[in-house]
Amino acid sequence: MERLDALVVGAGPAGTTFAYRLAEAGRRVLVVEEHPRVGRPVQCAGLVSQRVLDLAGSSSMVVRPVRGATVVGPGHGAFEFKAEEPRAFVIDRAALDVHLAERAARAGAELRTGTRFDGIVRREPDAVRVRLTGADGATDEVAASVVVGADGVASSVARAFRLRRPVEILPAFEVEYPQAPGDPDTVEVYLGRAFAPGLFGWWIPDGHGGARVGVAADADGTPARVYFERLLDQLERRTGHRLANPTAILASGIPIGTLPRYVGERVLLVGDAAAQVKPLSGGGIFTGMRAAELAATVVLRALGGGEPSERALADYPRAFEAELGEEFRRALYLRRVFCRLSDRELDALVDALREGNLKGTVVAFGDIDFPTHVARQLLRASPGLVRLLPKALGAWMSPGTSYPAPELEPSVLRK
């Protein structure tokens, strides 16, 4: 029976980043991916920061730099900004996944596609024995010192190891079109409770004259595709034409929240499986890859010093908390405030951004990986924004504050 230092379930950016770090340190690593091809189906819109390119060690997957963005309110009022330098990059997401998988393989990791993790067979004194099923239906067993769940929001590793995951899952629906509804050098974000309660709609240029159009919303029982059709209606009203002839469709779920526990005895979760997704945007490539690096450091130390026990692996969530914990808490708090805004208040928010002469603040402080940084600067610069929700945001602005769901005072706009 094959014996491994680490079994990684899932060949997305988080899983293959972890595998690369262990393999380059000389550890025996197997990555299994249930789909027959790495990177297919595509898992997200593919808008990333320079940090992701740095973590990947390559910019070969970039198809277009993005210098600006437009935030559109329910009533079609808009706040636009554009910087001289790129603020984000549209990537070929499949190419990113392939690049990271090939990098891990060059470092010595083994990759098996069309292979499913089917659960724990038994726990041994120095390993966990698990069952894998290949594309032909044949089963195999491997023994791993540690199992890494990098298998997304519906993680089978989390279920097998009983790592409960009480987070909110936002249904998302995205479609690729051969034509873009606007400026191919910018991204547009659409706010509105009719089509995106709980998050927003978007369109992102694909770098080839087309666009990726999508929506993520609260899981209130309404199918995400219904919300998507409403977003298309909103785009048609704004642009005067209806997008048609879709070339690809993606339906997914976005985990929002924090897990009370994502390590156990000889097991840990990374990426979407660990809900390491930015609460204000739903993006998880940077956070998942960075978490994977932190996890790999901890696992290498545990393997070198003894056993990857739950106690030893607990250094991983502590490292993630130290680096990204405050950003996540602030973002979750701000999202709860945002989710309670009516369409009228959302329009007032966009108006306050536009009328407050805040483009310079956004350009100077905007950061898609740490969006609460610019949010705090905007609130400091614009009394009009603070007046929308003064008590809730006053607490949020203070350092060292805990961030429960706020009880908001009645807005002046509701009177």
Protein backbone atom coordinates (compact mmCIF):
# COMPACT_ATOMS: atom_id res chain seq x y z
CA MET A 1 0.00 0.00 0.00
CA GLU A 2 1.26 3.46 -0.91
CA ARG A 3 2.36 5.60 2.04
CA LEU A 4 2.43 9.38 1.78
CA ASP A 5 3.46 12.35 3.82
CA ALA A 6 0.40 14.21 2.52
CA LEU A 7 -2.68 13.42 0.48
CA VAL A 8 -4.17 16.58 -1.04
CA VAL A 9 -7.77 16.33 -2.21
CA GLY A 10 -8.48 18.97 -4.86
CA ALA A 11 -6.17 20.41 -7.54
CA GLY A 12 -7.31 24.04 -7.35
CA PRO A 13 -4.92 26.88 -6.45
CA ALA A 14 -4.96 26.16 -2.70
CA GLY A 15 -4.35 22.42 -3.04
CA THR A 16 -1.56 22.63 -5.58
CA THR A 17 0.14 25.50 -3.73
CA PHE A 18 0.24 23.33 -0.61
CA ALA A 19 1.48 20.34 -2.62
CA TYR A 20 4.23 22.41 -4.24
CA ARG A 21 5.55 23.65 -0.90
CA LEU A 22 5.71 20.14 0.56
CA ALA A 23 7.14 18.54 -2.56
CA GLU A 24 9.92 21.10 -2.91
CA ALA A 25 10.88 20.24 0.69
CA GLY A 26 11.30 16.61 -0.36
CA ARG A 27 8.05 15.24 1.05
CA ARG A 28 5.98 12.60 -0.73
CA VAL A 29 2.71 14.19 -1.85
CA LEU A 30 -0.22 12.91 -3.89
CA VAL A 31 -2.84 15.30 -5.28
CA VAL A 32 -6.15 13.80 -6.39
CA GLU A 33 -8.69 15.69 -8.50
CA GLU A 34 -12.15 14.28 -9.17
CA HIS A 35 -12.51 16.00 -12.55
CA PRO A 36 -10.72 14.53 -15.58
CA ARG A 37 -8.91 17.79 -16.34
CA VAL A 38 -7.25 20.27 -14.00
CA GLY A 39 -8.92 23.68 -14.28
CA ARG A 40 -12.14 22.33 -15.83
CA PRO A 41 -14.83 23.27 -15.18
CA VAL A 42 -13.70 26.83 -14.49
CA GLN A 43 -14.50 27.73 -10.89
CA CYS A 44 -14.67 31.55 -10.71
CA ALA A 45 -14.66 34.86 -12.58
CA GLY A 46 -10.86 35.13 -12.52
CA LEU A 47 -10.12 38.65 -11.28
CA VAL A 48 -6.98 38.68 -9.14
CA SER A 49 -4.41 40.97 -7.58
CA GLN A 50 -0.67 41.18 -8.15
CA ARG A 51 -0.29 39.12 -4.96
CA VAL A 52 -1.79 36.08 -6.71
CA LEU A 53 0.66 36.41 -9.60
CA ASP A 54 3.50 36.68 -7.08
CA LEU A 55 2.32 33.57 -5.23
CA ALA A 56 2.03 31.73 -8.55
CA GLY A 57 5.47 32.89 -9.65
CA SER A 58 4.13 33.77 -13.10
CA SER A 59 1.94 36.24 -14.99
CA SER A 60 1.53 33.96 -18.00
CA MET A 61 -2.19 33.47 -17.27
CA VAL A 62 -3.01 37.22 -17.40
CA VAL A 63 -5.30 38.12 -20.29
CA ARG A 64 -5.99 41.75 -19.41
CA PRO A 65 -5.03 44.31 -16.76
CA VAL A 66 -7.88 46.26 -15.18
CA ARG A 67 -7.34 49.89 -14.19
CA GLY A 68 -10.78 50.90 -13.01
CA ALA A 69 -14.20 49.94 -11.79
CA THR A 70 -17.76 51.26 -11.78
CA VAL A 71 -20.22 50.68 -8.96
CA VAL A 72 -23.82 50.97 -10.19
CA GLY A 73 -26.74 51.48 -7.81
CA PRO A 74 -30.27 50.08 -8.25
CA GLY A 75 -31.39 53.35 -9.82
CA HIS A 76 -28.44 53.31 -12.27
CA GLY A 77 -26.49 56.07 -10.54
CA ALA A 78 -22.80 55.19 -10.84
CA PHE A 79 -19.49 55.84 -9.13
CA GLU A 80 -16.51 55.35 -11.44
CA PHE A 81 -12.76 55.44 -10.93
CA LYS A 82 -9.75 54.65 -13.07
CA ALA A 83 -6.11 54.53 -12.05
CA GLU A 84 -3.01 55.01 -14.18
CA GLU A 85 -1.62 51.62 -13.17
CA PRO A 86 -3.42 48.25 -13.18
CA ARG A 87 -5.35 47.58 -9.98
CA ALA A 88 -6.27 43.98 -10.82
CA PHE A 89 -5.82 41.40 -13.56
CA VAL A 90 -8.28 39.31 -15.51
CA ILE A 91 -6.77 35.84 -15.82
CA ASP A 92 -7.41 32.64 -17.68
CA ARG A 93 -8.46 30.74 -14.57
CA ALA A 94 -7.95 27.31 -16.12
CA ALA A 95 -4.43 28.34 -17.12
CA LEU A 96 -3.69 29.37 -13.53
CA ASP A 97 -4.81 25.97 -12.24
CA VAL A 98 -2.74 24.14 -14.86
CA HIS A 99 0.34 26.25 -14.14
CA LEU A 100 0.12 25.58 -10.39
CA ALA A 101 -0.46 21.86 -10.91
CA GLU A 102 2.51 21.62 -13.27
CA ARG A 103 4.68 23.55 -10.79
CA ALA A 104 3.76 21.07 -8.04
CA ALA A 105 4.49 18.14 -10.36
CA ARG A 106 7.90 19.55 -11.32
CA ALA A 107 8.71 19.81 -7.62
CA GLY A 108 7.93 16.11 -7.21
CA ALA A 109 4.24 15.89 -6.33
CA GLU A 110 2.17 13.17 -8.00
CA LEU A 111 -1.16 14.19 -9.58
CA ARG A 112 -4.07 11.88 -10.39
CA THR A 113 -7.09 13.28 -12.20
CA GLY A 114 -10.46 11.57 -12.44
CA THR A 115 -9.86 10.29 -8.90
CA ARG A 116 -12.32 10.69 -6.05
CA PHE A 117 -11.70 10.70 -2.29
CA ASP A 118 -14.17 8.20 -0.82
CA GLY A 119 -13.53 8.49 2.88
CA ILE A 120 -11.58 7.02 5.76
CA VAL A 121 -10.90 3.28 5.92
CA ARG A 122 -9.30 3.39 9.36
CA ARG A 123 -6.89 5.36 11.50
CA GLU A 124 -3.47 3.85 12.08
CA PRO A 125 -0.91 4.83 14.73
CA ASP A 126 1.15 6.90 12.28
CA ALA A 127 -1.27 7.61 9.40
CA VAL A 128 -4.83 7.72 8.14
CA ARG A 129 -5.80 5.06 5.60
CA VAL A 130 -8.28 6.37 3.02
CA ARG A 131 -10.04 5.02 -0.05
CA LEU A 132 -9.71 6.53 -3.53
CA THR A 133 -11.80 5.67 -6.59
CA GLY A 134 -10.47 6.16 -10.11
CA ALA A 135 -12.31 7.09 -13.29
CA ASP A 136 -12.65 3.40 -14.19
CA GLY A 137 -14.34 2.64 -10.86
CA ALA A 138 -11.34 0.80 -9.44
CA THR A 139 -10.62 1.52 -5.78
CA ASP A 140 -7.29 1.99 -4.09
CA GLU A 141 -6.15 2.66 -0.55
CA VAL A 142 -3.34 4.96 0.54
CA ALA A 143 -1.99 5.83 3.97
CA ALA A 144 -1.16 9.49 4.59
CA SER A 145 0.43 11.20 7.57
CA VAL A 146 -1.87 14.14 6.89
CA VAL A 147 -4.92 14.65 4.65
CA VAL A 148 -5.55 18.11 3.19
CA GLY A 149 -9.06 19.04 2.12
CA ALA A 150 -8.75 21.52 -0.75
CA ASP A 151 -11.92 20.22 -2.35
CA GLY A 152 -14.17 23.26 -2.29
CA VAL A 153 -17.33 24.37 -0.60
CA ALA A 154 -18.88 20.87 -0.54
CA SER A 155 -15.71 19.31 0.87
CA SER A 156 -15.88 15.54 1.18
CA VAL A 157 -12.80 15.66 3.42
CA ALA A 158 -14.62 17.94 5.85
CA ARG A 159 -17.54 15.49 5.97
CA ALA A 160 -15.35 12.41 6.39
CA PHE A 161 -13.37 13.93 9.26
CA ARG A 162 -16.46 15.54 10.84
CA LEU A 163 -15.19 19.09 10.56
CA ARG A 164 -18.51 20.87 10.78
CA ARG A 165 -18.88 23.86 8.53
CA PRO A 166 -21.65 26.22 9.74
CA VAL A 167 -21.14 28.97 7.19
CA GLU A 168 -23.45 30.79 4.80
CA ILE A 169 -23.33 29.51 1.23
CA LEU A 170 -24.21 32.07 -1.43
CA PRO A 171 -25.44 30.57 -4.71
CA ALA A 172 -23.62 32.11 -7.68
CA PHE A 173 -24.37 31.98 -11.40
CA GLU A 174 -22.02 33.26 -14.11
CA VAL A 175 -22.23 33.27 -17.91
CA GLU A 176 -19.59 34.09 -20.51
CA TYR A 177 -20.64 36.17 -23.53
CA PRO A 178 -18.75 36.94 -26.73
CA GLN A 179 -19.49 40.66 -26.40
CA ALA A 180 -18.92 43.05 -23.49
CA PRO A 181 -21.65 45.48 -22.37
CA GLY A 182 -19.20 48.33 -21.76
CA ASP A 183 -15.61 49.56 -21.45
CA PRO A 184 -13.27 46.52 -21.76
CA ASP A 185 -10.72 48.26 -19.49
CA THR A 186 -12.97 48.32 -16.44
CA VAL A 187 -15.09 46.13 -14.18
CA GLU A 188 -18.70 46.93 -13.28
CA VAL A 189 -20.38 45.99 -10.00
CA TYR A 190 -24.18 46.13 -9.71
CA LEU A 191 -26.01 46.64 -6.43
CA GLY A 192 -29.68 45.89 -5.92
CA ARG A 193 -31.88 43.76 -3.69
CA ALA A 194 -34.05 42.62 -6.60
CA PHE A 195 -31.21 40.73 -8.30
CA ALA A 196 -28.36 40.50 -5.75
CA PRO A 197 -29.54 40.53 -2.12
CA GLY A 198 -26.55 39.72 0.05
CA LEU A 199 -23.78 40.50 -2.43
CA PHE A 200 -23.76 41.98 -5.96
CA GLY A 201 -23.84 41.36 -9.68
CA TRP A 202 -20.84 41.95 -11.95
CA TRP A 203 -19.39 41.90 -15.38
CA ILE A 204 -15.68 41.48 -16.03
CA PRO A 205 -13.96 41.80 -19.42
CA ASP A 206 -12.52 38.49 -20.62
CA GLY A 207 -9.63 40.07 -22.48
CA HIS A 208 -10.92 38.96 -25.88
CA GLY A 209 -13.79 41.42 -26.41
CA GLY A 210 -16.30 39.42 -24.38
CA ALA A 211 -17.39 39.44 -20.76
CA ARG A 212 -18.01 37.24 -17.74
CA VAL A 213 -21.34 38.27 -16.24
CA GLY A 214 -22.54 36.91 -12.93
CA VAL A 215 -24.42 37.32 -9.70
CA ALA A 216 -24.17 35.96 -6.15
CA ALA A 217 -27.00 36.38 -3.69
CA ASP A 218 -28.45 35.17 -0.40
CA ALA A 219 -29.64 31.57 -0.35
CA ASP A 220 -33.29 32.50 0.19
CA GLY A 221 -34.75 29.73 -1.94
CA THR A 222 -34.74 31.74 -5.16
CA PRO A 223 -32.57 30.00 -7.79
CA ALA A 224 -29.41 31.91 -8.63
CA ARG A 225 -30.36 31.71 -12.31
CA VAL A 226 -33.52 33.73 -11.58
CA TYR A 227 -31.40 36.42 -9.98
CA PHE A 228 -29.07 36.28 -12.98
CA GLU A 229 -31.94 36.91 -15.40
CA ARG A 230 -32.92 39.94 -13.32
CA LEU A 231 -29.34 41.18 -13.54
CA LEU A 232 -29.52 40.88 -17.33
CA ASP A 233 -32.66 43.01 -17.21
CA GLN A 234 -30.73 45.62 -15.19
CA LEU A 235 -27.86 45.57 -17.67
CA GLU A 236 -30.29 45.96 -20.56
CA ARG A 237 -31.91 48.98 -18.94
CA ARG A 238 -28.47 50.55 -18.36
CA THR A 239 -26.87 49.77 -21.73
CA GLY A 240 -29.84 49.59 -24.07
CA HIS A 241 -29.13 46.10 -25.39
CA ARG A 242 -29.54 42.50 -24.23
CA LEU A 243 -26.57 40.19 -23.95
CA ALA A 244 -27.04 37.06 -26.05
CA ASN A 245 -25.34 33.92 -27.36
CA PRO A 246 -23.65 32.69 -24.16
CA THR A 247 -20.55 30.55 -24.61
CA ALA A 248 -20.20 29.04 -21.10
CA ILE A 249 -22.16 28.77 -17.85
CA LEU A 250 -20.89 28.30 -14.30
CA ALA A 251 -23.06 27.59 -11.24
CA SER A 252 -21.31 27.45 -7.87
CA GLY A 253 -21.56 28.23 -4.17
CA ILE A 254 -19.54 30.82 -2.26
CA PRO A 255 -18.87 30.18 1.46
CA ILE A 256 -19.13 33.29 3.61
CA GLY A 257 -18.20 33.18 7.29
CA THR A 258 -15.59 31.63 9.54
CA LEU A 259 -15.24 28.03 10.63
CA PRO A 260 -14.86 27.28 14.33
CA ARG A 261 -12.54 24.40 13.45
CA TYR A 262 -10.69 23.50 10.26
CA VAL A 263 -7.93 21.28 11.62
CA GLY A 264 -8.16 17.91 13.32
CA GLU A 265 -6.03 14.87 14.00
CA ARG A 266 -3.98 14.45 10.79
CA VAL A 267 -6.32 16.64 8.74
CA LEU A 268 -6.70 20.27 7.72
CA LEU A 269 -8.80 22.29 5.28
CA VAL A 270 -7.65 25.07 2.95
CA GLY A 271 -9.33 27.44 0.50
CA ASP A 272 -13.08 27.30 -0.04
CA ALA A 273 -13.24 24.10 2.02
CA ALA A 274 -12.13 26.21 5.00
CA ALA A 275 -14.35 29.18 4.01
CA GLN A 276 -11.23 31.26 3.39
CA VAL A 277 -13.14 33.57 1.06
CA LYS A 278 -13.20 37.36 1.25
CA PRO A 279 -16.61 38.25 2.76
CA LEU A 280 -17.07 41.48 0.80
CA SER A 281 -16.29 40.12 -2.65
CA GLY A 282 -16.59 36.33 -2.52
CA GLY A 283 -13.09 35.98 -3.99
CA GLY A 284 -10.89 33.24 -2.61
CA ILE A 285 -7.86 32.68 -4.84
CA PHE A 286 -5.42 34.89 -2.91
CA THR A 287 -6.69 33.90 0.53
CA GLY A 288 -6.70 30.20 -0.34
CA MET A 289 -3.18 30.24 -1.78
CA ARG A 290 -1.81 32.22 1.13
CA ALA A 291 -3.53 29.91 3.62
CA ALA A 292 -2.02 26.92 1.80
CA GLU A 293 1.46 28.39 2.25
CA LEU A 294 0.83 28.92 5.96
CA ALA A 295 -0.54 25.39 6.28
CA ALA A 296 2.43 23.88 4.45
CA THR A 297 4.86 25.60 6.81
CA VAL A 298 3.04 24.17 9.82
CA VAL A 299 2.76 20.66 8.34
CA LEU A 300 6.46 20.54 7.44
CA ARG A 301 7.32 21.53 10.99
CA ALA A 302 4.95 18.90 12.40
CA LEU A 303 6.30 16.16 10.14
CA GLY A 304 9.87 17.06 11.04
CA GLY A 305 9.26 17.23 14.76
CA GLY A 306 6.96 14.32 15.35
CA GLU A 307 3.37 13.85 14.29
CA PRO A 308 0.78 16.13 12.62
CA SER A 309 -1.54 15.95 15.63
CA GLU A 310 -4.44 18.33 16.02
CA ARG A 311 -2.40 20.21 18.60
CA ALA A 312 0.56 20.59 16.23
CA LEU A 313 -1.66 21.61 13.30
CA ALA A 314 -3.39 24.26 15.43
CA ASP A 315 -0.49 26.58 14.59
CA TYR A 316 -2.02 26.87 11.09
CA PRO A 317 -5.31 28.57 12.07
CA ARG A 318 -3.34 30.73 14.49
CA ALA A 319 -1.08 31.87 11.64
CA PHE A 320 -4.07 32.56 9.39
CA GLU A 321 -5.74 34.52 12.18
CA ALA A 322 -2.62 36.61 12.77
CA GLU A 323 -2.31 37.52 9.10
CA LEU A 324 -5.91 37.75 7.85
CA GLY A 325 -8.20 37.38 10.85
CA GLU A 326 -8.85 41.05 11.53
CA GLU A 327 -9.54 41.77 7.86
CA PHE A 328 -12.07 38.93 7.78
CA ARG A 329 -13.83 40.10 10.97
CA ARG A 330 -14.06 43.68 9.75
CA ALA A 331 -15.28 42.55 6.34
CA LEU A 332 -17.94 40.25 7.84
CA TYR A 333 -19.16 43.08 10.04
CA LEU A 334 -19.30 45.52 7.14
CA ARG A 335 -21.08 42.95 4.99
CA ARG A 336 -23.79 42.54 7.64
CA VAL A 337 -24.29 46.29 7.57
CA PHE A 338 -24.36 46.25 3.76
CA CYS A 339 -26.88 43.40 3.60
CA ARG A 340 -29.44 45.41 5.57
CA LEU A 341 -29.45 48.36 3.18
CA SER A 342 -32.55 48.94 1.11
CA ASP A 343 -32.31 49.87 -2.58
CA ARG A 344 -32.92 53.46 -1.62
CA GLU A 345 -30.00 53.36 0.79
CA LEU A 346 -27.79 51.64 -1.77
CA ASP A 347 -28.52 54.47 -4.22
CA ALA A 348 -27.68 56.97 -1.48
CA LEU A 349 -24.40 55.14 -0.87
CA VAL A 350 -23.44 55.39 -4.55
CA ASP A 351 -24.48 59.07 -4.59
CA ALA A 352 -22.34 59.78 -1.52
CA LEU A 353 -19.32 58.16 -3.18
CA ARG A 354 -19.84 60.14 -6.38
CA GLU A 355 -20.59 63.50 -4.76
CA GLY A 356 -17.88 63.25 -2.11
CA ASN A 357 -15.02 63.59 -4.60
CA LEU A 358 -13.62 60.27 -3.39
CA LYS A 359 -12.01 58.89 -6.55
CA GLY A 360 -8.55 59.83 -5.31
CA THR A 361 -9.14 57.96 -2.04
CA VAL A 362 -10.25 54.83 -3.89
CA VAL A 363 -7.27 54.97 -6.26
CA ALA A 364 -4.83 55.52 -3.40
CA PHE A 365 -6.16 52.90 -1.00
CA GLY A 366 -8.15 50.46 -3.14
CA ASP A 367 -7.06 46.84 -2.68
CA ILE A 368 -9.22 43.90 -3.78
CA ASP A 369 -7.55 41.62 -1.24
CA PHE A 370 -8.03 43.98 1.71
CA PRO A 371 -11.16 45.99 0.85
CA THR A 372 -11.82 47.18 4.41
CA HIS A 373 -8.70 49.37 4.17
CA VAL A 374 -10.28 51.60 1.54
CA ALA A 375 -13.67 51.39 3.29
CA ARG A 376 -12.18 52.90 6.44
CA GLN A 377 -10.47 55.66 4.45
CA LEU A 378 -13.71 56.46 2.63
CA LEU A 379 -15.63 56.71 5.89
CA ARG A 380 -13.00 59.05 7.31
CA ALA A 381 -13.10 61.19 4.18
CA SER A 382 -16.87 61.38 3.74
CA PRO A 383 -19.29 62.42 6.51
CA GLY A 384 -22.08 61.65 4.04
CA LEU A 385 -21.20 57.96 4.16
CA VAL A 386 -21.02 57.85 7.95
CA ARG A 387 -24.41 59.52 8.28
CA LEU A 388 -26.05 56.54 6.60
CA LEU A 389 -25.29 54.23 9.53
CA PRO A 390 -23.40 56.18 12.20
CA LYS A 391 -23.70 53.87 15.21
CA ALA A 392 -22.88 50.66 13.38
CA LEU A 393 -19.93 52.09 11.50
CA GLY A 394 -18.60 54.03 14.46
CA ALA A 395 -17.91 50.78 16.29
CA TRP A 396 -16.49 49.21 13.16
CA MET A 397 -13.97 52.02 12.74
CA SER A 398 -12.45 51.44 16.17
CA PRO A 399 -9.39 49.15 16.33
CA GLY A 400 -9.58 46.06 18.51
CA THR A 401 -13.37 45.93 18.39
CA SER A 402 -15.30 42.66 18.31
CA TYR A 403 -17.66 42.38 15.35
CA PRO A 404 -21.02 40.79 16.09
CA ALA A 405 -23.93 41.37 13.72
CA PRO A 406 -24.83 45.02 14.36
CA GLU A 407 -28.20 46.25 15.50
CA LEU A 408 -28.65 49.19 13.16
CA GLU A 409 -30.45 52.34 14.05
CA PRO A 410 -33.29 53.37 11.72
CA SER A 411 -31.86 55.19 8.75
CA VAL A 412 -32.92 58.71 7.93
CA LEU A 413 -33.88 57.35 4.51
CA ARG A 414 -36.54 55.13 6.09
CA LYS A 415 -38.34 57.97 7.82
